[in-house]
Amino acid sequence: MLDSLYRGYPVGYLITWRNPTVKLKDGSLSAGKRILIDGQQRITALMAALLGREVITKDYDTVRIRIAFHPVEERFEVSNPAIVKDPAWIEDVSVLFSPEADLIELTERYVGRNPGADRKTVGKVLQKVCKIVNNHVGVIELAEDLDIETVTEIFIRVNSAGVELSQADFAMSKIAVNEKYGGNLLRKAIDYFCHLAVAPEFASKIEKGDPDFAKSEFWPAMRWLKDVNDDLYDPTYTDMLRVAFTSEFGRGKLQDLVALLSGRDFETKQYEEAIAEESFAKLKAGILAFMNKTHFDRLTMILRSAGFVTTDLITSRNTVNFAYILYLRGRREGVPADDLERLVRRWYVMSILTGRYAGSPETAFDFDVRQIDAQGLARYVETVIENELPPTFWTGMLPQLMETSSAQSPYFIAYLAAQARLGDKGFLSKDITVRDLLLNRGDKHHVFPRKYLQQQGMNRSRYNQIANFVMAQSEINIAIGDKPPEVYFKEIAEQVNGGPKRYGGITDRETLERNFEENCLPTSLLDGQVPDYETFLAERRRLMSLRIKHWFDVLG
């Protein structure tokens, strides 16, 4: 980029947007600051290279980027140890742009280190470098009366460049530029929390590398994460914004957050400083509530208590986000802890089974939170659950939905969580539970073995039907191998009738029948009644659906 500026080549346009003019508290008007919509990397590069400013890396390290210049060859390079040792290079061009810089002195110093260099030529070249600051960079300014939605869309499009950006990215930019109401510190708190949740060891870097932040009110609110290695819910900044905004503002669309932070009055369509100030205060309260150790621990406890014991079972981030919103709203409403945990658990499971937030999560968030405001949390939750999961769902709809080969389908996830919550034993296990197997990555065993079905001409979508899977210990899975079901089920029946112990440690019929019931297998298999594969799948889907219903009833 510096080389292009040096040679007078175009370096593209910067795109800015002037914040809407806001009405101040005394009634006067104030023109908003200009926000950089596109060109962040170029501006950062110029500040780092020409002004010697430090920049923050993706790992939150503060570093100086030094660009070197070779006056004889008129070439720019990123400085490195070899360049630093070579007198032919000026190791850091920022010295040329320092207010104290003396071009004649710098020229003399360079020629003194490089006797073969021509003083006049070097002086002209360095003078040309210094004139970089006079080169024009084009600026496109978006009109201040453009609506927030349009500006957001422009921001997302011009910044995409292979990386999918969202309204949350624009909201984060909007937060960061407002120093008057502490947005710059709030933005940093959100970033740090998300990084710390993934890498607890990052705490020492914050305390040593950012002492000003460590003295802020945010650090005591999040430093508990340094002792946590739980990864059940590692939120992104989008998750934090969604939860904080929806729980505090009673709205679900992040474009509304950008508008409110700009001071927009949705009724008058005007922009007022008082609204911006109030919005930053509410968002800050929402972020602090999100970070609160008690709140965060309760959410993960609720998920675990429902049977979602590993990250593999957390497949819908937005469903978790709305569960957190429910929890925070319930606490604010004063819902008794036990009742609130029950409501959140049941809502979460209902949302998983119905795909409530799978399509347009913002629209769903917005609708649900407005209804909660109108009807009250407990009443709305119970009404929706009753309507979404009627008796016919368990016997009619759910068995049909379970006709899938996706091990990541919400129905199979719900079934595994149900087994974990109910304390079910693994297939043919005497003591090892499904919960144990999930936590220690046990095997998903094909009841009708895969190779057995392949030999019958079945493809992956048929032999990998979720109704053909049970959780099993590796040794049991290996012992069964590719045996036809009629063969190994006969051997299992013999095992509980005094025969050789081939599969697991169950040796009595009663325990075996209970194991089959927990794993949703018809006990008729033990009596030599092995149906054809499709009949087996249909019956097992029915039994799995009833097991999930039993689980859901237990959660209530």
Protein backbone atom coordinates (compact mmCIF):
# COMPACT_ATOMS: atom_id res chain seq x y z
CA MET A 1 0.00 0.00 0.00
CA LEU A 2 2.82 2.44 0.87
CA ASP A 3 4.53 1.60 -2.41
CA SER A 4 1.32 2.44 -4.30
CA LEU A 5 1.03 5.77 -2.48
CA TYR A 6 4.70 6.48 -3.15
CA ARG A 7 4.24 5.90 -6.88
CA GLY A 8 0.94 7.78 -7.03
CA TYR A 9 -1.18 4.71 -7.75
CA PRO A 10 -4.82 4.65 -6.58
CA VAL A 11 -5.50 2.74 -3.36
CA GLY A 12 -9.27 2.60 -3.52
CA TYR A 13 -11.91 4.59 -1.71
CA LEU A 14 -12.75 4.87 1.94
CA ILE A 15 -16.47 4.73 2.74
CA THR A 16 -17.74 6.71 5.69
CA TRP A 17 -21.15 7.42 7.18
CA ARG A 18 -21.98 10.43 9.26
CA ASN A 19 -24.00 9.43 12.29
CA PRO A 20 -27.48 10.97 12.27
CA THR A 21 -27.71 14.45 13.73
CA VAL A 22 -28.95 14.05 17.32
CA LYS A 23 -30.93 16.39 19.52
CA LEU A 24 -28.93 17.24 22.64
CA LYS A 25 -30.46 17.49 26.08
CA ASP A 26 -30.55 21.31 25.87
CA GLY A 27 -32.53 21.10 22.64
CA SER A 28 -29.67 22.02 20.31
CA LEU A 29 -28.52 19.78 17.45
CA SER A 30 -25.18 18.06 17.10
CA ALA A 31 -23.83 16.63 13.86
CA GLY A 32 -22.78 13.03 14.37
CA LYS A 33 -19.24 11.76 14.01
CA ARG A 34 -18.22 10.07 10.80
CA ILE A 35 -17.90 6.30 11.06
CA LEU A 36 -15.56 4.35 8.80
CA ILE A 37 -17.70 1.78 6.99
CA ASP A 38 -14.99 0.42 4.69
CA GLY A 39 -11.23 0.96 4.85
CA GLN A 40 -10.42 -0.10 8.41
CA GLN A 41 -7.41 -2.19 7.35
CA ARG A 42 -5.95 0.58 5.18
CA ILE A 43 -6.36 3.22 7.88
CA THR A 44 -4.85 0.88 10.48
CA ALA A 45 -1.93 0.13 8.17
CA LEU A 46 -1.24 3.83 7.61
CA MET A 47 -1.42 4.66 11.31
CA ALA A 48 0.90 1.77 12.15
CA ALA A 49 3.44 2.42 9.40
CA LEU A 50 3.53 6.23 9.23
CA LEU A 51 2.67 7.25 12.79
CA GLY A 52 4.26 4.32 14.61
CA ARG A 53 1.00 3.42 16.36
CA GLU A 54 0.71 0.01 18.00
CA VAL A 55 -1.97 -2.38 16.76
CA ILE A 56 -3.77 -5.27 18.45
CA THR A 57 -3.52 -8.72 16.89
CA LYS A 58 -6.26 -11.35 16.81
CA ASP A 59 -4.65 -12.81 19.95
CA TYR A 60 -4.92 -9.40 21.64
CA ASP A 61 -1.18 -8.83 21.63
CA THR A 62 -0.12 -5.20 21.21
CA VAL A 63 2.57 -5.00 18.53
CA ARG A 64 4.41 -2.44 16.43
CA ILE A 65 4.45 -3.07 12.71
CA ARG A 66 7.59 -1.55 11.17
CA ILE A 67 7.88 -0.92 7.46
CA ALA A 68 11.43 -0.49 6.15
CA PHE A 69 12.52 1.51 3.09
CA HIS A 70 15.53 1.15 0.78
CA PRO A 71 16.29 4.67 -0.60
CA VAL A 72 18.63 3.44 -3.35
CA GLU A 73 16.28 0.75 -4.67
CA GLU A 74 13.15 2.75 -3.70
CA ARG A 75 11.63 -0.37 -2.17
CA PHE A 76 9.41 -0.97 0.89
CA GLU A 77 9.55 -4.18 2.96
CA VAL A 78 8.28 -5.35 6.32
CA SER A 79 11.20 -4.90 8.68
CA ASN A 80 13.03 -8.02 9.87
CA PRO A 81 16.31 -8.80 11.74
CA ALA A 82 18.32 -8.94 8.49
CA ILE A 83 17.03 -5.52 7.40
CA VAL A 84 17.77 -4.04 10.82
CA LYS A 85 21.44 -5.10 10.45
CA ASP A 86 21.71 -3.81 6.87
CA PRO A 87 22.72 -0.09 6.75
CA ALA A 88 21.24 0.19 3.24
CA TRP A 89 17.77 0.16 4.79
CA ILE A 90 15.89 2.69 6.89
CA GLU A 91 14.42 0.12 9.26
CA ASP A 92 11.31 2.13 10.21
CA VAL A 93 9.79 4.75 7.85
CA SER A 94 7.80 6.27 10.71
CA VAL A 95 10.96 8.25 11.63
CA LEU A 96 10.43 10.25 8.43
CA PHE A 97 6.96 11.34 9.55
CA SER A 98 7.77 12.24 13.13
CA PRO A 99 7.07 15.93 13.97
CA GLU A 100 10.71 16.19 15.10
CA ALA A 101 12.08 14.69 11.88
CA ASP A 102 14.81 16.67 10.09
CA LEU A 103 15.08 15.53 6.48
CA ILE A 104 18.59 16.96 5.97
CA GLU A 105 19.86 15.25 9.12
CA LEU A 106 18.25 11.94 8.12
CA THR A 107 19.83 12.18 4.67
CA GLU A 108 23.27 12.90 6.12
CA ARG A 109 22.96 10.03 8.58
CA TYR A 110 22.00 7.59 5.80
CA VAL A 111 24.86 8.69 3.51
CA GLY A 112 27.25 8.45 6.45
CA ARG A 113 26.33 4.77 6.86
CA ASN A 114 26.37 4.21 3.08
CA PRO A 115 29.34 6.09 1.59
CA GLY A 116 28.55 4.88 -1.92
CA ALA A 117 25.09 6.48 -1.93
CA ASP A 118 24.54 9.81 -3.75
CA ARG A 119 23.51 12.47 -1.22
CA LYS A 120 21.37 14.44 -3.70
CA THR A 121 19.50 11.36 -4.95
CA VAL A 122 18.85 10.05 -1.43
CA GLY A 123 17.57 13.48 -0.35
CA LYS A 124 15.10 13.63 -3.28
CA VAL A 125 13.87 10.08 -2.64
CA LEU A 126 13.29 10.71 1.06
CA GLN A 127 11.50 13.96 0.20
CA LYS A 128 9.23 12.01 -2.14
CA VAL A 129 8.47 9.51 0.63
CA CYS A 130 7.49 12.34 2.99
CA LYS A 131 5.07 13.69 0.37
CA ILE A 132 3.01 10.51 0.69
CA VAL A 133 0.92 12.34 3.30
CA ASN A 134 -0.15 14.84 0.61
CA ASN A 135 -1.52 12.16 -1.71
CA HIS A 136 -5.28 12.05 -2.01
CA VAL A 137 -7.32 9.06 -0.84
CA GLY A 138 -10.85 9.05 -2.17
CA VAL A 139 -13.70 9.17 0.35
CA ILE A 140 -17.31 8.23 -0.33
CA GLU A 141 -19.58 9.59 2.38
CA LEU A 142 -22.98 8.00 2.86
CA ALA A 143 -25.74 10.50 3.53
CA GLU A 144 -26.60 10.87 7.20
CA ASP A 145 -30.33 10.52 6.48
CA LEU A 146 -29.90 6.99 5.12
CA ASP A 147 -31.85 4.52 7.25
CA ILE A 148 -29.92 2.21 9.57
CA GLU A 149 -30.96 -0.90 7.65
CA THR A 150 -29.43 0.39 4.40
CA VAL A 151 -26.17 1.45 6.07
CA THR A 152 -25.94 -1.92 7.81
CA GLU A 153 -26.45 -3.74 4.50
CA ILE A 154 -23.74 -1.62 2.84
CA PHE A 155 -21.36 -2.36 5.72
CA ILE A 156 -21.99 -6.10 5.43
CA ARG A 157 -21.55 -6.15 1.65
CA VAL A 158 -18.43 -4.03 1.27
CA ASN A 159 -16.65 -5.79 4.14
CA SER A 160 -17.60 -9.37 3.23
CA ALA A 161 -14.51 -10.25 1.09
CA GLY A 162 -14.83 -13.96 1.82
CA VAL A 163 -15.79 -13.48 5.46
CA GLU A 164 -19.47 -13.55 6.31
CA LEU A 165 -20.26 -10.44 8.31
CA SER A 166 -23.53 -9.66 10.03
CA GLN A 167 -25.53 -7.00 11.77
CA ALA A 168 -23.68 -8.01 14.94
CA ASP A 169 -20.40 -6.90 13.31
CA PHE A 170 -21.87 -3.50 12.51
CA ALA A 171 -23.30 -3.24 16.02
CA MET A 172 -19.85 -4.00 17.46
CA SER A 173 -18.32 -1.24 15.28
CA LYS A 174 -21.06 1.12 16.38
CA ILE A 175 -20.39 0.32 20.05
CA ALA A 176 -16.62 0.72 19.72
CA VAL A 177 -16.67 4.26 18.28
CA ASN A 178 -18.75 5.78 21.09
CA GLU A 179 -16.27 6.78 23.77
CA LYS A 180 -18.67 9.29 25.35
CA TYR A 181 -20.83 6.51 26.84
CA GLY A 182 -18.04 3.97 27.29
CA GLY A 183 -18.64 2.01 24.11
CA ASN A 184 -14.94 1.46 23.50
CA LEU A 185 -14.57 -0.21 26.91
CA LEU A 186 -17.82 -2.17 26.46
CA ARG A 187 -16.64 -3.49 23.11
CA LYS A 188 -13.40 -4.62 24.71
CA ALA A 189 -15.30 -6.34 27.54
CA ILE A 190 -17.36 -8.35 25.04
CA ASP A 191 -14.24 -9.36 23.08
CA TYR A 192 -12.29 -10.31 26.17
CA PHE A 193 -15.11 -12.38 27.68
CA CYS A 194 -15.52 -14.44 24.51
CA HIS A 195 -11.77 -15.00 24.23
CA LEU A 196 -11.43 -15.87 27.91
CA ALA A 197 -14.28 -18.40 27.72
CA VAL A 198 -12.27 -20.34 25.13
CA ALA A 199 -8.78 -19.68 26.55
CA PRO A 200 -8.82 -19.15 30.36
CA GLU A 201 -5.04 -18.73 30.37
CA PHE A 202 -5.59 -15.42 28.54
CA ALA A 203 -6.46 -13.82 31.92
CA SER A 204 -2.83 -13.09 32.78
CA LYS A 205 -2.34 -11.37 29.44
CA ILE A 206 -5.29 -9.05 30.16
CA GLU A 207 -4.03 -8.19 33.63
CA LYS A 208 -0.50 -7.49 32.43
CA GLY A 209 -1.17 -6.13 28.98
CA ASP A 210 -4.25 -3.99 29.61
CA PRO A 211 -4.01 -2.62 33.16
CA ASP A 212 -6.62 0.09 32.46
CA PHE A 213 -9.21 -2.54 31.57
CA ALA A 214 -8.20 -4.63 34.58
CA LYS A 215 -9.16 -1.64 36.76
CA SER A 216 -12.60 -1.33 35.14
CA GLU A 217 -15.84 -2.76 36.53
CA PHE A 218 -15.90 -5.37 33.76
CA TRP A 219 -12.79 -7.29 34.80
CA PRO A 220 -14.07 -8.36 38.26
CA ALA A 221 -17.28 -9.46 36.52
CA MET A 222 -15.47 -11.84 34.15
CA ARG A 223 -12.22 -12.86 35.81
CA TRP A 224 -13.92 -15.97 37.26
CA LEU A 225 -13.54 -17.48 33.78
CA LYS A 226 -9.79 -17.90 34.34
CA ASP A 227 -10.52 -20.91 36.57
CA VAL A 228 -13.12 -22.49 34.27
CA ASN A 229 -12.42 -25.18 31.66
CA ASP A 230 -16.05 -25.92 30.86
CA ASP A 231 -16.76 -25.58 27.14
CA LEU A 232 -20.45 -26.50 27.10
CA TYR A 233 -21.35 -22.95 26.05
CA ASP A 234 -18.55 -20.78 24.68
CA PRO A 235 -20.40 -17.70 23.43
CA THR A 236 -19.37 -15.54 20.49
CA TYR A 237 -19.84 -11.78 20.55
CA THR A 238 -22.96 -12.29 18.41
CA ASP A 239 -24.38 -14.55 21.13
CA MET A 240 -23.59 -11.99 23.82
CA LEU A 241 -25.19 -9.15 21.88
CA ARG A 242 -28.32 -11.17 21.10
CA VAL A 243 -28.83 -12.22 24.70
CA ALA A 244 -27.97 -8.86 26.27
CA PHE A 245 -30.03 -6.86 23.77
CA THR A 246 -33.12 -9.07 23.71
CA SER A 247 -33.25 -9.59 27.47
CA GLU A 248 -32.80 -5.88 28.27
CA PHE A 249 -34.62 -4.15 25.42
CA GLY A 250 -37.43 -6.62 24.71
CA ARG A 251 -36.53 -6.67 21.01
CA GLY A 252 -34.96 -9.37 18.85
CA LYS A 253 -33.53 -7.62 15.78
CA LEU A 254 -29.95 -6.39 16.05
CA GLN A 255 -30.56 -3.64 13.50
CA ASP A 256 -32.82 -2.10 16.16
CA LEU A 257 -29.83 -2.12 18.52
CA VAL A 258 -27.78 -0.09 16.05
CA ALA A 259 -30.66 2.37 15.68
CA LEU A 260 -31.09 2.73 19.44
CA LEU A 261 -27.37 3.23 20.00
CA SER A 262 -27.62 6.01 17.40
CA GLY A 263 -30.39 7.59 19.51
CA ARG A 264 -33.36 6.77 17.32
CA ASP A 265 -36.88 7.37 18.63
CA PHE A 266 -38.96 4.76 16.81
CA GLU A 267 -42.14 6.82 17.18
CA THR A 268 -40.92 10.25 16.02
CA LYS A 269 -38.19 8.86 13.70
CA GLN A 270 -35.85 11.48 15.20
CA TYR A 271 -32.48 10.95 16.88
CA GLU A 272 -31.95 12.08 20.45
CA GLU A 273 -28.85 12.00 22.61
CA ALA A 274 -30.86 10.93 25.66
CA ILE A 275 -31.98 7.76 23.87
CA ALA A 276 -28.41 6.92 22.84
CA GLU A 277 -27.20 7.43 26.41
CA GLU A 278 -30.00 5.29 27.83
CA SER A 279 -29.39 2.58 25.21
CA PHE A 280 -25.69 2.31 26.02
CA ALA A 281 -26.55 2.07 29.73
CA LYS A 282 -29.10 -0.70 29.10
CA LEU A 283 -26.74 -2.63 26.84
CA LYS A 284 -24.02 -2.39 29.46
CA ALA A 285 -26.44 -3.75 32.09
CA GLY A 286 -27.32 -6.61 29.74
CA ILE A 287 -23.66 -7.47 29.11
CA LEU A 288 -22.88 -7.43 32.84
CA ALA A 289 -25.89 -9.70 33.49
CA PHE A 290 -24.63 -12.07 30.77
CA MET A 291 -21.16 -12.17 32.36
CA ASN A 292 -22.44 -12.74 35.87
CA LYS A 293 -20.98 -16.02 37.17
CA THR A 294 -24.17 -17.08 38.94
CA HIS A 295 -26.27 -16.49 35.83
CA PHE A 296 -23.84 -18.24 33.50
CA ASP A 297 -23.39 -21.20 35.83
CA ARG A 298 -27.16 -21.60 36.23
CA LEU A 299 -27.66 -21.71 32.48
CA THR A 300 -25.08 -24.46 31.95
CA MET A 301 -26.45 -26.30 35.01
CA ILE A 302 -29.96 -26.19 33.50
CA LEU A 303 -28.66 -27.60 30.20
CA ARG A 304 -26.77 -30.39 31.96
CA SER A 305 -29.68 -31.22 34.22
CA ALA A 306 -31.77 -31.78 31.09
CA GLY A 307 -29.22 -34.27 29.77
CA PHE A 308 -27.20 -32.04 27.42
CA VAL A 309 -23.91 -33.03 28.99
CA THR A 310 -21.41 -32.45 26.15
CA THR A 311 -20.82 -29.85 23.46
CA ASP A 312 -21.73 -32.49 20.85
CA LEU A 313 -25.30 -32.28 22.13
CA ILE A 314 -25.41 -28.46 21.86
CA THR A 315 -26.21 -28.14 18.17
CA SER A 316 -28.33 -24.97 18.10
CA ARG A 317 -26.55 -21.92 19.49
CA ASN A 318 -29.59 -19.68 19.08
CA THR A 319 -31.71 -22.09 21.10
CA VAL A 320 -29.19 -21.80 23.94
CA ASN A 321 -29.21 -18.02 23.54
CA PHE A 322 -32.97 -17.78 23.94
CA ALA A 323 -32.85 -20.14 26.92
CA TYR A 324 -30.42 -17.66 28.51
CA ILE A 325 -32.78 -14.78 27.64
CA LEU A 326 -35.63 -16.65 29.32
CA TYR A 327 -33.51 -17.22 32.39
CA LEU A 328 -32.45 -13.57 32.69
CA ARG A 329 -36.02 -12.33 32.13
CA GLY A 330 -37.32 -14.79 34.70
CA ARG A 331 -34.83 -13.63 37.30
CA ARG A 332 -35.84 -10.05 36.66
CA GLU A 333 -39.51 -10.98 37.05
CA GLY A 334 -38.75 -12.73 40.32
CA VAL A 335 -39.83 -16.20 39.17
CA PRO A 336 -38.86 -18.71 41.91
CA ALA A 337 -35.59 -20.46 41.05
CA ASP A 338 -37.03 -23.99 40.84
CA ASP A 339 -39.93 -22.88 38.64
CA LEU A 340 -37.62 -20.87 36.40
CA GLU A 341 -35.22 -23.76 35.87
CA ARG A 342 -38.14 -26.04 34.97
CA LEU A 343 -39.54 -23.50 32.48
CA VAL A 344 -36.18 -22.92 30.82
CA ARG A 345 -35.45 -26.67 30.56
CA ARG A 346 -38.81 -27.44 28.97
CA TRP A 347 -38.63 -24.45 26.60
CA TYR A 348 -35.16 -25.45 25.47
CA VAL A 349 -36.23 -29.03 24.70
CA MET A 350 -39.40 -27.85 22.95
CA SER A 351 -37.31 -25.47 20.83
CA ILE A 352 -34.90 -28.28 19.89
CA LEU A 353 -37.68 -30.67 18.90
CA THR A 354 -39.62 -28.09 16.86
CA GLY A 355 -36.67 -26.22 15.31
CA ARG A 356 -38.08 -22.98 16.67
CA TYR A 357 -34.93 -20.91 16.00
CA ALA A 358 -33.62 -22.82 12.98
CA GLY A 359 -34.99 -20.56 10.24
CA SER A 360 -35.13 -16.83 11.04
CA PRO A 361 -33.88 -16.59 14.63
CA GLU A 362 -34.12 -12.80 14.89
CA THR A 363 -37.76 -12.81 13.84
CA ALA A 364 -38.51 -15.65 16.27
CA PHE A 365 -36.61 -13.90 19.09
CA ASP A 366 -38.50 -10.67 18.46
CA PHE A 367 -41.89 -12.41 18.43
CA ASP A 368 -41.25 -14.49 21.54
CA VAL A 369 -39.84 -11.71 23.70
CA ARG A 370 -42.72 -9.37 22.81
CA GLN A 371 -45.23 -12.08 23.72
CA ILE A 372 -43.43 -12.65 27.02
CA ASP A 373 -43.77 -8.92 27.73
CA ALA A 374 -47.46 -9.06 26.89
CA GLN A 375 -48.46 -12.33 28.59
CA GLY A 376 -45.84 -12.92 31.27
CA LEU A 377 -43.06 -15.48 31.07
CA ALA A 378 -44.61 -18.49 32.80
CA ARG A 379 -47.96 -18.22 31.07
CA TYR A 380 -46.46 -17.77 27.61
CA VAL A 381 -44.00 -20.65 27.99
CA GLU A 382 -46.67 -23.11 29.12
CA THR A 383 -49.08 -22.01 26.38
CA VAL A 384 -46.52 -22.41 23.60
CA ILE A 385 -45.37 -25.81 24.86
CA GLU A 386 -48.95 -27.05 25.05
CA ASN A 387 -49.63 -25.91 21.49
CA GLU A 388 -46.33 -27.08 19.98
CA LEU A 389 -46.17 -30.48 21.70
CA PRO A 390 -49.71 -31.88 21.84
CA PRO A 391 -50.23 -35.62 22.55
CA THR A 392 -50.29 -36.36 18.81
CA PHE A 393 -46.77 -34.94 18.42
CA TRP A 394 -45.26 -37.85 20.33
CA THR A 395 -47.20 -40.61 18.60
CA GLY A 396 -47.66 -39.18 15.11
CA MET A 397 -45.30 -36.38 14.16
CA LEU A 398 -42.10 -37.28 16.05
CA PRO A 399 -41.78 -40.89 14.76
CA GLN A 400 -42.06 -39.52 11.21
CA LEU A 401 -39.47 -36.80 11.86
CA MET A 402 -37.08 -39.45 13.15
CA GLU A 403 -36.88 -41.09 9.74
CA THR A 404 -33.46 -39.58 9.06
CA SER A 405 -29.85 -40.70 8.78
CA SER A 406 -28.40 -37.51 10.25
CA ALA A 407 -26.71 -38.22 13.57
CA GLN A 408 -26.84 -34.44 14.14
CA SER A 409 -30.61 -34.31 13.75
CA PRO A 410 -32.31 -32.61 16.73
CA TYR A 411 -34.38 -35.75 17.33
CA PHE A 412 -31.39 -38.02 17.81
CA ILE A 413 -29.69 -35.35 19.93
CA ALA A 414 -32.84 -35.15 22.06
CA TYR A 415 -32.94 -38.95 22.37
CA LEU A 416 -29.34 -39.11 23.60
CA ALA A 417 -29.98 -36.26 26.06
CA ALA A 418 -33.07 -38.14 27.27
CA GLN A 419 -31.01 -41.27 27.91
CA ALA A 420 -28.36 -39.22 29.73
CA ARG A 421 -30.97 -37.53 31.94
CA LEU A 422 -32.90 -40.72 32.67
CA GLY A 423 -29.76 -42.63 33.68
CA ASP A 424 -30.18 -45.27 30.98
CA LYS A 425 -27.47 -47.91 30.63
CA GLY A 426 -25.56 -48.38 27.40
CA PHE A 427 -26.68 -51.19 25.11
CA LEU A 428 -25.96 -54.50 26.92
CA SER A 429 -24.01 -52.68 29.67
CA LYS A 430 -24.52 -53.74 33.25
CA ASP A 431 -23.07 -50.60 34.86
CA ILE A 432 -21.92 -48.12 32.20
CA THR A 433 -24.52 -45.43 31.49
CA VAL A 434 -25.22 -43.58 28.25
CA ARG A 435 -24.09 -40.44 30.09
CA ASP A 436 -20.72 -42.13 30.73
CA LEU A 437 -20.47 -43.12 27.09
CA LEU A 438 -21.28 -39.62 25.87
CA LEU A 439 -18.71 -38.07 28.17
CA ASN A 440 -16.08 -40.60 27.09
CA ARG A 441 -17.00 -40.84 23.42
CA GLY A 442 -18.53 -44.29 23.38
CA ASP A 443 -19.53 -46.01 20.13
CA LYS A 444 -22.71 -45.57 18.14
CA HIS A 445 -23.50 -49.21 17.37
CA HIS A 446 -25.65 -50.33 14.44
CA VAL A 447 -28.31 -52.69 15.82
CA PHE A 448 -28.55 -54.23 12.34
CA PRO A 449 -24.78 -54.21 11.52
CA ARG A 450 -23.67 -51.93 8.72
CA LYS A 451 -21.85 -54.57 6.62
CA TYR A 452 -24.77 -56.95 7.06
CA LEU A 453 -27.08 -54.31 5.53
CA GLN A 454 -24.56 -53.35 2.85
CA GLN A 455 -24.49 -56.96 1.74
CA GLN A 456 -28.23 -56.64 1.24
CA GLY A 457 -27.67 -53.72 -1.11
CA MET A 458 -28.56 -50.87 1.27
CA ASN A 459 -26.87 -47.49 0.97
CA ARG A 460 -25.66 -45.17 3.73
CA SER A 461 -28.94 -43.27 4.11
CA ARG A 462 -30.67 -46.56 4.96
CA TYR A 463 -28.14 -48.35 7.20
CA ASN A 464 -27.34 -45.11 9.07
CA GLN A 465 -30.94 -44.43 10.07
CA ILE A 466 -30.90 -42.99 13.61
CA ALA A 467 -33.35 -45.68 14.66
CA ASN A 468 -30.61 -48.22 13.92
CA PHE A 469 -28.20 -46.66 16.45
CA VAL A 470 -27.61 -47.46 20.11
CA MET A 471 -24.84 -46.17 22.37
CA ALA A 472 -22.54 -49.04 23.32
CA GLN A 473 -19.16 -49.77 24.85
CA SER A 474 -16.44 -50.36 22.25
CA GLU A 475 -15.82 -53.92 23.38
CA ILE A 476 -19.49 -54.83 22.97
CA ASN A 477 -19.59 -53.19 19.56
CA ILE A 478 -16.47 -55.12 18.50
CA ALA A 479 -17.80 -58.43 19.87
CA ILE A 480 -20.99 -58.12 17.82
CA GLY A 481 -19.07 -57.14 14.69
CA ASP A 482 -20.92 -57.97 11.48
CA LYS A 483 -23.05 -60.82 12.83
CA PRO A 484 -26.61 -61.00 11.52
CA PRO A 485 -29.06 -59.74 14.17
CA GLU A 486 -30.83 -63.08 14.43
CA VAL A 487 -27.49 -64.70 15.32
CA TYR A 488 -26.24 -62.31 18.01
CA PHE A 489 -29.67 -61.70 19.59
CA LYS A 490 -29.97 -65.49 19.98
CA GLU A 491 -26.55 -65.53 21.66
CA ILE A 492 -27.60 -62.69 23.97
CA ALA A 493 -30.69 -64.68 24.98
CA GLU A 494 -28.49 -67.71 25.67
CA GLN A 495 -26.15 -65.57 27.80
CA VAL A 496 -28.93 -64.80 30.33
CA ASN A 497 -29.95 -68.46 30.38
CA GLY A 498 -26.61 -69.83 31.58
CA GLY A 499 -24.80 -69.68 28.24
CA PRO A 500 -21.34 -68.22 27.60
CA LYS A 501 -20.86 -64.52 28.38
CA ARG A 502 -20.11 -62.95 25.02
CA TYR A 503 -21.58 -59.42 25.22
CA GLY A 504 -21.20 -57.32 28.35
CA GLY A 505 -21.90 -58.42 31.89
CA ILE A 506 -25.70 -58.87 32.01
CA THR A 507 -26.54 -62.44 32.99
CA ASP A 508 -30.21 -62.35 34.02
CA ARG A 509 -33.32 -61.89 31.90
CA GLU A 510 -34.91 -59.17 34.05
CA THR A 511 -31.88 -56.85 33.82
CA LEU A 512 -31.60 -57.54 30.10
CA GLU A 513 -35.26 -56.67 29.46
CA ARG A 514 -34.81 -53.43 31.41
CA ASN A 515 -31.75 -52.67 29.28
CA PHE A 516 -33.77 -53.27 26.12
CA GLU A 517 -36.53 -51.01 27.41
CA GLU A 518 -34.04 -48.21 28.17
CA ASN A 519 -32.54 -48.57 24.70
CA CYS A 520 -35.95 -48.72 23.03
CA LEU A 521 -35.54 -52.23 21.65
CA PRO A 522 -38.48 -54.64 21.50
CA THR A 523 -37.92 -57.58 23.88
CA SER A 524 -39.39 -59.88 21.21
CA LEU A 525 -35.88 -59.82 19.68
CA LEU A 526 -34.80 -62.10 22.53
CA ASP A 527 -37.43 -64.66 21.60
CA GLY A 528 -36.14 -65.16 18.07
CA GLN A 529 -38.64 -62.73 16.57
CA VAL A 530 -36.31 -60.56 14.46
CA PRO A 531 -38.44 -58.57 12.01
CA ASP A 532 -37.30 -57.26 8.64
CA TYR A 533 -35.21 -54.09 8.81
CA GLU A 534 -37.92 -51.57 7.84
CA THR A 535 -40.39 -53.04 10.34
CA PHE A 536 -37.72 -52.86 13.03
CA LEU A 537 -36.99 -49.19 12.25
CA ALA A 538 -40.66 -48.23 12.44
CA GLU A 539 -41.11 -49.95 15.80
CA ARG A 540 -37.93 -48.47 17.22
CA ARG A 541 -38.91 -44.94 16.14
CA ARG A 542 -42.15 -45.41 18.03
CA LEU A 543 -40.33 -46.57 21.17
CA MET A 544 -37.70 -43.81 20.93
CA SER A 545 -40.44 -41.19 20.62
CA LEU A 546 -42.14 -42.51 23.74
CA ARG A 547 -38.81 -42.46 25.59
CA ILE A 548 -38.35 -38.81 24.63
CA LYS A 549 -41.89 -38.06 25.82
CA HIS A 550 -41.17 -39.77 29.15
CA TRP A 551 -38.05 -37.62 29.46
CA PHE A 552 -39.95 -34.44 28.70
CA ASP A 553 -42.57 -35.34 31.32
CA VAL A 554 -39.79 -35.91 33.86
CA LEU A 555 -38.38 -32.45 33.09
CA GLY A 556 -41.71 -30.92 34.05
